[in-house]
Amino acid sequence: MSSVINVKIDPKVKAEAKKVASELGLSLSTLINGYLRQLIKSKTVYLSLHEEPSPYLIEAIRQSEKEIKEGKGKTFGNVEEAIRYLNKL
């Protein structure tokens, strides 16, 4: 026996999700059912944007790596060290 859930969703999101599901050989209903079962088991919500970094972010990372190699950057062994450093500024 099945139950019906009515969900309001952006039509573009639905179309894209349906396309991805189809590419995986699944129906959108099967994917949602699987997701809900995973939610019940793990009691955890998993979200991933899985997007490529922007050109700005890539350049910022490159610049940061360059500065670290040149000894201009500051690295920390853990979060607490970083927070202590920032609090001293």
PDB file of N, CA and C in Angstrom:
ATOM      1  N   MET A   1       0.840  -1.171   0.000  1.00  0.00           N
ATOM      2  CA  MET A   1       0.000   0.000   0.000  1.00  0.00           C
ATOM      3  C   MET A   1       0.892   1.243   0.000  1.00  0.00           C
ATOM      4  N   SER A   2       0.507   2.242  -0.719  1.00  0.00           N
ATOM      5  CA  SER A   2       1.267   3.486  -0.805  1.00  0.00           C
ATOM      6  C   SER A   2       0.457   4.645  -0.255  1.00  0.00           C
ATOM      7  N   SER A   3       1.179   5.671   0.128  1.00  0.00           N
ATOM      8  CA  SER A   3       0.565   6.895   0.613  1.00  0.00           C
ATOM      9  C   SER A   3       1.037   8.027  -0.293  1.00  0.00           C
ATOM     10  N   VAL A   4       0.257   9.063  -0.395  1.00  0.00           N
ATOM     11  CA  VAL A   4       0.585  10.189  -1.264  1.00  0.00           C
ATOM     12  C   VAL A   4       0.974  11.385  -0.411  1.00  0.00           C
ATOM     13  N   ILE A   5       2.069  12.046  -0.808  1.00  0.00           N
ATOM     14  CA  ILE A   5       2.495  13.286  -0.173  1.00  0.00           C
ATOM     15  C   ILE A   5       2.425  14.375  -1.230  1.00  0.00           C
ATOM     16  N   ASN A   6       1.775  15.471  -0.926  1.00  0.00           N
ATOM     17  CA  ASN A   6       1.735  16.608  -1.841  1.00  0.00           C
ATOM     18  C   ASN A   6       2.772  17.618  -1.388  1.00  0.00           C
ATOM     19  N   VAL A   7       3.660  17.980  -2.295  1.00  0.00           N
ATOM     20  CA  VAL A   7       4.735  18.905  -1.981  1.00  0.00           C
ATOM     21  C   VAL A   7       4.756  20.004  -3.026  1.00  0.00           C
ATOM     22  N   LYS A   8       4.811  21.246  -2.583  1.00  0.00           N
ATOM     23  CA  LYS A   8       4.949  22.359  -3.514  1.00  0.00           C
ATOM     24  C   LYS A   8       6.429  22.524  -3.811  1.00  0.00           C
ATOM     25  N   ILE A   9       6.757  22.542  -5.083  1.00  0.00           N
ATOM     26  CA  ILE A   9       8.156  22.635  -5.487  1.00  0.00           C
ATOM     27  C   ILE A   9       8.254  23.455  -6.763  1.00  0.00           C
ATOM     28  N   ASP A  10       9.350  24.155  -6.898  1.00  0.00           N
ATOM     29  CA  ASP A  10       9.604  24.941  -8.101  1.00  0.00           C
ATOM     30  C   ASP A  10       9.591  24.001  -9.314  1.00  0.00           C
ATOM     31  N   PRO A  11       8.834  24.343 -10.354  1.00  0.00           N
ATOM     32  CA  PRO A  11       8.745  23.474 -11.532  1.00  0.00           C
ATOM     33  C   PRO A  11      10.107  23.167 -12.173  1.00  0.00           C
ATOM     34  N   LYS A  12      11.007  24.144 -12.144  1.00  0.00           N
ATOM     35  CA  LYS A  12      12.338  23.902 -12.717  1.00  0.00           C
ATOM     36  C   LYS A  12      13.108  22.878 -11.894  1.00  0.00           C
ATOM     37  N   VAL A  13      12.989  22.966 -10.573  1.00  0.00           N
ATOM     38  CA  VAL A  13      13.671  22.015  -9.695  1.00  0.00           C
ATOM     39  C   VAL A  13      13.122  20.621  -9.947  1.00  0.00           C
ATOM     40  N   LYS A  14      11.804  20.510 -10.057  1.00  0.00           N
ATOM     41  CA  LYS A  14      11.183  19.210 -10.300  1.00  0.00           C
ATOM     42  C   LYS A  14      11.666  18.627 -11.628  1.00  0.00           C
ATOM     43  N   ALA A  15      11.687  19.440 -12.660  1.00  0.00           N
ATOM     44  CA  ALA A  15      12.108  18.960 -13.979  1.00  0.00           C
ATOM     45  C   ALA A  15      13.566  18.498 -13.956  1.00  0.00           C
ATOM     46  N   GLU A  16      14.438  19.279 -13.312  1.00  0.00           N
ATOM     47  CA  GLU A  16      15.850  18.902 -13.235  1.00  0.00           C
ATOM     48  C   GLU A  16      16.031  17.631 -12.409  1.00  0.00           C
ATOM     49  N   ALA A  17      15.310  17.526 -11.289  1.00  0.00           N
ATOM     50  CA  ALA A  17      15.413  16.340 -10.439  1.00  0.00           C
ATOM     51  C   ALA A  17      14.904  15.107 -11.179  1.00  0.00           C
ATOM     52  N   LYS A  18      13.830  15.272 -11.914  1.00  0.00           N
ATOM     53  CA  LYS A  18      13.266  14.165 -12.683  1.00  0.00           C
ATOM     54  C   LYS A  18      14.256  13.698 -13.755  1.00  0.00           C
ATOM     55  N   LYS A  19      14.946  14.645 -14.358  1.00  0.00           N
ATOM     56  CA  LYS A  19      15.939  14.319 -15.382  1.00  0.00           C
ATOM     57  C   LYS A  19      17.101  13.535 -14.770  1.00  0.00           C
ATOM     58  N   VAL A  20      17.597  14.005 -13.607  1.00  0.00           N
ATOM     59  CA  VAL A  20      18.698  13.309 -12.926  1.00  0.00           C
ATOM     60  C   VAL A  20      18.262  11.905 -12.529  1.00  0.00           C
ATOM     61  N   ALA A  21      17.066  11.793 -11.968  1.00  0.00           N
ATOM     62  CA  ALA A  21      16.547  10.482 -11.571  1.00  0.00           C
ATOM     63  C   ALA A  21      16.498   9.549 -12.782  1.00  0.00           C
ATOM     64  N   SER A  22      16.009  10.057 -13.882  1.00  0.00           N
ATOM     65  CA  SER A  22      15.916   9.270 -15.102  1.00  0.00           C
ATOM     66  C   SER A  22      17.292   8.818 -15.580  1.00  0.00           C
ATOM     67  N   GLU A  23      18.279   9.725 -15.500  1.00  0.00           N
ATOM     68  CA  GLU A  23      19.644   9.375 -15.902  1.00  0.00           C
ATOM     69  C   GLU A  23      20.213   8.267 -15.025  1.00  0.00           C
ATOM     70  N   LEU A  24      19.734   8.195 -13.775  1.00  0.00           N
ATOM     71  CA  LEU A  24      20.172   7.150 -12.853  1.00  0.00           C
ATOM     72  C   LEU A  24      19.326   5.881 -12.994  1.00  0.00           C
ATOM     73  N   GLY A  25      18.339   5.930 -13.890  1.00  0.00           N
ATOM     74  CA  GLY A  25      17.470   4.778 -14.109  1.00  0.00           C
ATOM     75  C   GLY A  25      16.410   4.620 -13.038  1.00  0.00           C
ATOM     76  N   LEU A  26      16.049   5.724 -12.392  1.00  0.00           N
ATOM     77  CA  LEU A  26      15.070   5.689 -11.311  1.00  0.00           C
ATOM     78  C   LEU A  26      13.958   6.695 -11.557  1.00  0.00           C
ATOM     79  N   SER A  27      12.843   6.465 -10.891  1.00  0.00           N
ATOM     80  CA  SER A  27      11.770   7.465 -10.931  1.00  0.00           C
ATOM     81  C   SER A  27      12.013   8.462  -9.809  1.00  0.00           C
ATOM     82  N   LEU A  28      11.414   9.611  -9.937  1.00  0.00           N
ATOM     83  CA  LEU A  28      11.527  10.627  -8.894  1.00  0.00           C
ATOM     84  C   LEU A  28      10.906  10.103  -7.598  1.00  0.00           C
ATOM     85  N   SER A  29       9.827   9.363  -7.701  1.00  0.00           N
ATOM     86  CA  SER A  29       9.172   8.773  -6.536  1.00  0.00           C
ATOM     87  C   SER A  29      10.114   7.804  -5.811  1.00  0.00           C
ATOM     88  N   THR A  30      10.846   6.992  -6.564  1.00  0.00           N
ATOM     89  CA  THR A  30      11.788   6.047  -5.972  1.00  0.00           C
ATOM     90  C   THR A  30      12.900   6.779  -5.239  1.00  0.00           C
ATOM     91  N   LEU A  31      13.406   7.857  -5.844  1.00  0.00           N
ATOM     92  CA  LEU A  31      14.457   8.637  -5.195  1.00  0.00           C
ATOM     93  C   LEU A  31      13.967   9.262  -3.887  1.00  0.00           C
ATOM     94  N   ILE A  32      12.791   9.840  -3.916  1.00  0.00           N
ATOM     95  CA  ILE A  32      12.247  10.484  -2.723  1.00  0.00           C
ATOM     96  C   ILE A  32      11.993   9.439  -1.633  1.00  0.00           C
ATOM     97  N   ASN A  33      11.463   8.286  -2.020  1.00  0.00           N
ATOM     98  CA  ASN A  33      11.233   7.195  -1.071  1.00  0.00           C
ATOM     99  C   ASN A  33      12.542   6.764  -0.422  1.00  0.00           C
ATOM    100  N   GLY A  34      13.588   6.608  -1.232  1.00  0.00           N
ATOM    101  CA  GLY A  34      14.900   6.228  -0.716  1.00  0.00           C
ATOM    102  C   GLY A  34      15.448   7.275   0.231  1.00  0.00           C
ATOM    103  N   TYR A  35      15.284   8.536  -0.140  1.00  0.00           N
ATOM    104  CA  TYR A  35      15.758   9.623   0.714  1.00  0.00           C
ATOM    105  C   TYR A  35      15.044   9.606   2.064  1.00  0.00           C
ATOM    106  N   LEU A  36      13.729   9.415   2.064  1.00  0.00           N
ATOM    107  CA  LEU A  36      12.968   9.393   3.312  1.00  0.00           C
ATOM    108  C   LEU A  36      13.365   8.205   4.192  1.00  0.00           C
ATOM    109  N   ARG A  37      13.648   7.059   3.560  1.00  0.00           N
ATOM    110  CA  ARG A  37      14.104   5.889   4.333  1.00  0.00           C
ATOM    111  C   ARG A  37      15.465   6.181   4.978  1.00  0.00           C
ATOM    112  N   GLN A  38      16.344   6.840   4.218  1.00  0.00           N
ATOM    113  CA  GLN A  38      17.664   7.204   4.748  1.00  0.00           C
ATOM    114  C   GLN A  38      17.504   8.190   5.912  1.00  0.00           C
ATOM    115  N   LEU A  39      16.619   9.141   5.778  1.00  0.00           N
ATOM    116  CA  LEU A  39      16.343  10.112   6.841  1.00  0.00           C
ATOM    117  C   LEU A  39      15.895   9.406   8.118  1.00  0.00           C
ATOM    118  N   ILE A  40      15.002   8.430   7.972  1.00  0.00           N
ATOM    119  CA  ILE A  40      14.497   7.686   9.127  1.00  0.00           C
ATOM    120  C   ILE A  40      15.632   6.919   9.805  1.00  0.00           C
ATOM    121  N   LYS A  41      16.455   6.238   9.014  1.00  0.00           N
ATOM    122  CA  LYS A  41      17.553   5.444   9.578  1.00  0.00           C
ATOM    123  C   LYS A  41      18.607   6.296  10.267  1.00  0.00           C
ATOM    124  N   SER A  42      19.036   7.353   9.588  1.00  0.00           N
ATOM    125  CA  SER A  42      20.175   8.138  10.084  1.00  0.00           C
ATOM    126  C   SER A  42      19.772   9.321  10.957  1.00  0.00           C
ATOM    127  N   LYS A  43      18.520   9.737  10.848  1.00  0.00           N
ATOM    128  CA  LYS A  43      18.048  10.946  11.538  1.00  0.00           C
ATOM    129  C   LYS A  43      18.967  12.133  11.223  1.00  0.00           C
ATOM    130  N   THR A  44      19.463  12.128   9.999  1.00  0.00           N
ATOM    131  CA  THR A  44      20.388  13.162   9.537  1.00  0.00           C
ATOM    132  C   THR A  44      19.969  13.619   8.146  1.00  0.00           C
ATOM    133  N   VAL A  45      20.086  14.914   7.912  1.00  0.00           N
ATOM    134  CA  VAL A  45      19.775  15.471   6.601  1.00  0.00           C
ATOM    135  C   VAL A  45      21.089  15.702   5.857  1.00  0.00           C
ATOM    136  N   TYR A  46      21.218  15.129   4.692  1.00  0.00           N
ATOM    137  CA  TYR A  46      22.409  15.304   3.878  1.00  0.00           C
ATOM    138  C   TYR A  46      22.072  16.186   2.684  1.00  0.00           C
ATOM    139  N   LEU A  47      22.799  17.269   2.543  1.00  0.00           N
ATOM    140  CA  LEU A  47      22.618  18.148   1.394  1.00  0.00           C
ATOM    141  C   LEU A  47      23.983  18.409   0.778  1.00  0.00           C
ATOM    142  N   SER A  48      24.035  18.409  -0.525  1.00  0.00           N
ATOM    143  CA  SER A  48      25.282  18.695  -1.207  1.00  0.00           C
ATOM    144  C   SER A  48      24.964  19.515  -2.452  1.00  0.00           C
ATOM    145  N   LEU A  49      25.671  20.602  -2.606  1.00  0.00           N
ATOM    146  CA  LEU A  49      25.479  21.424  -3.795  1.00  0.00           C
ATOM    147  C   LEU A  49      26.292  20.895  -4.961  1.00  0.00           C
ATOM    148  N   HIS A  50      27.364  20.224  -4.666  1.00  0.00           N
ATOM    149  CA  HIS A  50      28.241  19.623  -5.663  1.00  0.00           C
ATOM    150  C   HIS A  50      28.474  20.561  -6.840  1.00  0.00           C
ATOM    151  N   GLU A  51      28.790  21.776  -6.520  1.00  0.00           N
ATOM    152  CA  GLU A  51      29.058  22.768  -7.552  1.00  0.00           C
ATOM    153  C   GLU A  51      30.551  22.982  -7.698  1.00  0.00           C
ATOM    154  N   GLU A  52      30.944  23.367  -8.874  1.00  0.00           N
ATOM    155  CA  GLU A  52      32.335  23.709  -9.126  1.00  0.00           C
ATOM    156  C   GLU A  52      32.640  25.044  -8.454  1.00  0.00           C
ATOM    157  N   PRO A  53      33.852  25.195  -7.917  1.00  0.00           N
ATOM    158  CA  PRO A  53      34.194  26.485  -7.320  1.00  0.00           C
ATOM    159  C   PRO A  53      34.235  27.581  -8.378  1.00  0.00           C
ATOM    160  N   SER A  54      33.902  28.784  -7.958  1.00  0.00           N
ATOM    161  CA  SER A  54      33.900  29.919  -8.877  1.00  0.00           C
ATOM    162  C   SER A  54      35.335  30.291  -9.249  1.00  0.00           C
ATOM    163  N   PRO A  55      35.527  30.969 -10.367  1.00  0.00           N
ATOM    164  CA  PRO A  55      36.867  31.436 -10.728  1.00  0.00           C
ATOM    165  C   PRO A  55      37.475  32.309  -9.629  1.00  0.00           C
ATOM    166  N   TYR A  56      36.649  33.108  -8.965  1.00  0.00           N
ATOM    167  CA  TYR A  56      37.136  33.962  -7.869  1.00  0.00           C
ATOM    168  C   TYR A  56      37.711  33.112  -6.742  1.00  0.00           C
ATOM    169  N   LEU A  57      36.976  32.054  -6.350  1.00  0.00           N
ATOM    170  CA  LEU A  57      37.436  31.182  -5.269  1.00  0.00           C
ATOM    171  C   LEU A  57      38.716  30.450  -5.666  1.00  0.00           C
ATOM    172  N   ILE A  58      38.785  29.970  -6.892  1.00  0.00           N
ATOM    173  CA  ILE A  58      39.988  29.279  -7.365  1.00  0.00           C
ATOM    174  C   ILE A  58      41.195  30.213  -7.289  1.00  0.00           C
ATOM    175  N   GLU A  59      41.029  31.444  -7.709  1.00  0.00           N
ATOM    176  CA  GLU A  59      42.130  32.414  -7.660  1.00  0.00           C
ATOM    177  C   GLU A  59      42.515  32.735  -6.218  1.00  0.00           C
ATOM    178  N   ALA A  60      41.535  32.858  -5.339  1.00  0.00           N
ATOM    179  CA  ALA A  60      41.820  33.134  -3.926  1.00  0.00           C
ATOM    180  C   ALA A  60      42.601  31.982  -3.302  1.00  0.00           C
ATOM    181  N   ILE A  61      42.259  30.768  -3.640  1.00  0.00           N
ATOM    182  CA  ILE A  61      42.984  29.602  -3.129  1.00  0.00           C
ATOM    183  C   ILE A  61      44.414  29.591  -3.655  1.00  0.00           C
ATOM    184  N   ARG A  62      44.577  29.845  -4.946  1.00  0.00           N
ATOM    185  CA  ARG A  62      45.923  29.898  -5.535  1.00  0.00           C
ATOM    186  C   ARG A  62      46.781  30.964  -4.851  1.00  0.00           C
ATOM    187  N   GLN A  63      46.207  32.131  -4.648  1.00  0.00           N
ATOM    188  CA  GLN A  63      46.928  33.231  -4.002  1.00  0.00           C
ATOM    189  C   GLN A  63      47.314  32.848  -2.582  1.00  0.00           C
ATOM    190  N   SER A  64      46.400  32.225  -1.872  1.00  0.00           N
ATOM    191  CA  SER A  64      46.670  31.799  -0.499  1.00  0.00           C
ATOM    192  C   SER A  64      47.795  30.768  -0.464  1.00  0.00           C
ATOM    193  N   GLU A  65      47.755  29.793  -1.365  1.00  0.00           N
ATOM    194  CA  GLU A  65      48.806  28.776  -1.421  1.00  0.00           C
ATOM    195  C   GLU A  65      50.161  29.403  -1.737  1.00  0.00           C
ATOM    196  N   LYS A  66      50.165  30.374  -2.637  1.00  0.00           N
ATOM    197  CA  LYS A  66      51.403  31.076  -2.999  1.00  0.00           C
ATOM    198  C   LYS A  66      51.973  31.810  -1.776  1.00  0.00           C
ATOM    199  N   GLU A  67      51.118  32.516  -1.049  1.00  0.00           N
ATOM    200  CA  GLU A  67      51.560  33.261   0.126  1.00  0.00           C
ATOM    201  C   GLU A  67      52.095  32.319   1.216  1.00  0.00           C
ATOM    202  N   ILE A  68      51.469  31.181   1.386  1.00  0.00           N
ATOM    203  CA  ILE A  68      51.950  30.218   2.374  1.00  0.00           C
ATOM    204  C   ILE A  68      53.339  29.713   1.981  1.00  0.00           C
ATOM    205  N   LYS A  69      53.541  29.384   0.685  1.00  0.00           N
ATOM    206  CA  LYS A  69      54.850  28.918   0.213  1.00  0.00           C
ATOM    207  C   LYS A  69      55.921  29.987   0.398  1.00  0.00           C
ATOM    208  N   GLU A  70      55.534  31.245   0.254  1.00  0.00           N
ATOM    209  CA  GLU A  70      56.476  32.356   0.408  1.00  0.00           C
ATOM    210  C   GLU A  70      56.681  32.731   1.872  1.00  0.00           C
ATOM    211  N   GLY A  71      56.024  32.027   2.768  1.00  0.00           N
ATOM    212  CA  GLY A  71      56.162  32.304   4.191  1.00  0.00           C
ATOM    213  C   GLY A  71      55.352  33.501   4.653  1.00  0.00           C
ATOM    214  N   LYS A  72      54.468  33.993   3.813  1.00  0.00           N
ATOM    215  CA  LYS A  72      53.656  35.159   4.166  1.00  0.00           C
ATOM    216  C   LYS A  72      52.348  34.773   4.865  1.00  0.00           C
ATOM    217  N   GLY A  73      51.952  33.536   4.715  1.00  0.00           N
ATOM    218  CA  GLY A  73      50.686  33.107   5.282  1.00  0.00           C
ATOM    219  C   GLY A  73      50.840  32.586   6.691  1.00  0.00           C
ATOM    220  N   LYS A  74      49.749  32.392   7.352  1.00  0.00           N
ATOM    221  CA  LYS A  74      49.735  31.872   8.722  1.00  0.00           C
ATOM    222  C   LYS A  74      48.919  30.584   8.715  1.00  0.00           C
ATOM    223  N   THR A  75      49.492  29.515   9.248  1.00  0.00           N
ATOM    224  CA  THR A  75      48.761  28.253   9.340  1.00  0.00           C
ATOM    225  C   THR A  75      48.600  27.880  10.816  1.00  0.00           C
ATOM    226  N   PHE A  76      47.624  27.024  11.076  1.00  0.00           N
ATOM    227  CA  PHE A  76      47.305  26.629  12.441  1.00  0.00           C
ATOM    228  C   PHE A  76      47.129  25.119  12.501  1.00  0.00           C
ATOM    229  N   GLY A  77      47.471  24.562  13.651  1.00  0.00           N
ATOM    230  CA  GLY A  77      47.326  23.124  13.846  1.00  0.00           C
ATOM    231  C   GLY A  77      45.899  22.701  14.123  1.00  0.00           C
ATOM    232  N   ASN A  78      45.108  23.640  14.646  1.00  0.00           N
ATOM    233  CA  ASN A  78      43.711  23.332  14.939  1.00  0.00           C
ATOM    234  C   ASN A  78      42.911  24.630  15.043  1.00  0.00           C
ATOM    235  N   VAL A  79      41.626  24.494  15.216  1.00  0.00           N
ATOM    236  CA  VAL A  79      40.726  25.647  15.248  1.00  0.00           C
ATOM    237  C   VAL A  79      41.012  26.540  16.456  1.00  0.00           C
ATOM    238  N   GLU A  80      41.296  25.924  17.579  1.00  0.00           N
ATOM    239  CA  GLU A  80      41.537  26.700  18.798  1.00  0.00           C
ATOM    240  C   GLU A  80      42.717  27.648  18.614  1.00  0.00           C
ATOM    241  N   GLU A  81      43.803  27.162  17.979  1.00  0.00           N
ATOM    242  CA  GLU A  81      44.967  28.026  17.709  1.00  0.00           C
ATOM    243  C   GLU A  81      44.560  29.214  16.846  1.00  0.00           C
ATOM    244  N   ALA A  82      43.761  28.957  15.838  1.00  0.00           N
ATOM    245  CA  ALA A  82      43.325  30.028  14.937  1.00  0.00           C
ATOM    246  C   ALA A  82      42.493  31.058  15.689  1.00  0.00           C
ATOM    247  N   ILE A  83      41.596  30.599  16.543  1.00  0.00           N
ATOM    248  CA  ILE A  83      40.744  31.516  17.307  1.00  0.00           C
ATOM    249  C   ILE A  83      41.585  32.352  18.269  1.00  0.00           C
ATOM    250  N   ARG A  84      42.555  31.708  18.945  1.00  0.00           N
ATOM    251  CA  ARG A  84      43.425  32.461  19.849  1.00  0.00           C
ATOM    252  C   ARG A  84      44.191  33.547  19.078  1.00  0.00           C
ATOM    253  N   TYR A  85      44.680  33.203  17.895  1.00  0.00           N
ATOM    254  CA  TYR A  85      45.406  34.152  17.060  1.00  0.00           C
ATOM    255  C   TYR A  85      44.503  35.330  16.691  1.00  0.00           C
ATOM    256  N   LEU A  86      43.301  35.042  16.253  1.00  0.00           N
ATOM    257  CA  LEU A  86      42.369  36.095  15.849  1.00  0.00           C
ATOM    258  C   LEU A  86      41.968  36.977  17.018  1.00  0.00           C
ATOM    259  N   ASN A  87      41.807  36.383  18.195  1.00  0.00           N
ATOM    260  CA  ASN A  87      41.447  37.168  19.373  1.00  0.00           C
ATOM    261  C   ASN A  87      42.549  38.123  19.790  1.00  0.00           C
ATOM    262  N   LYS A  88      43.807  37.811  19.462  1.00  0.00           N
ATOM    263  CA  LYS A  88      44.924  38.676  19.807  1.00  0.00           C
ATOM    264  C   LYS A  88      45.047  39.873  18.862  1.00  0.00           C
ATOM    265  N   LEU A  89      44.442  39.773  17.688  1.00  0.00           N
ATOM    266  CA  LEU A  89      44.569  40.858  16.709  1.00  0.00           C
ATOM    267  C   LEU A  89      43.901  42.109  17.141  1.00  0.00           C
TER     268      LEU A  89
END
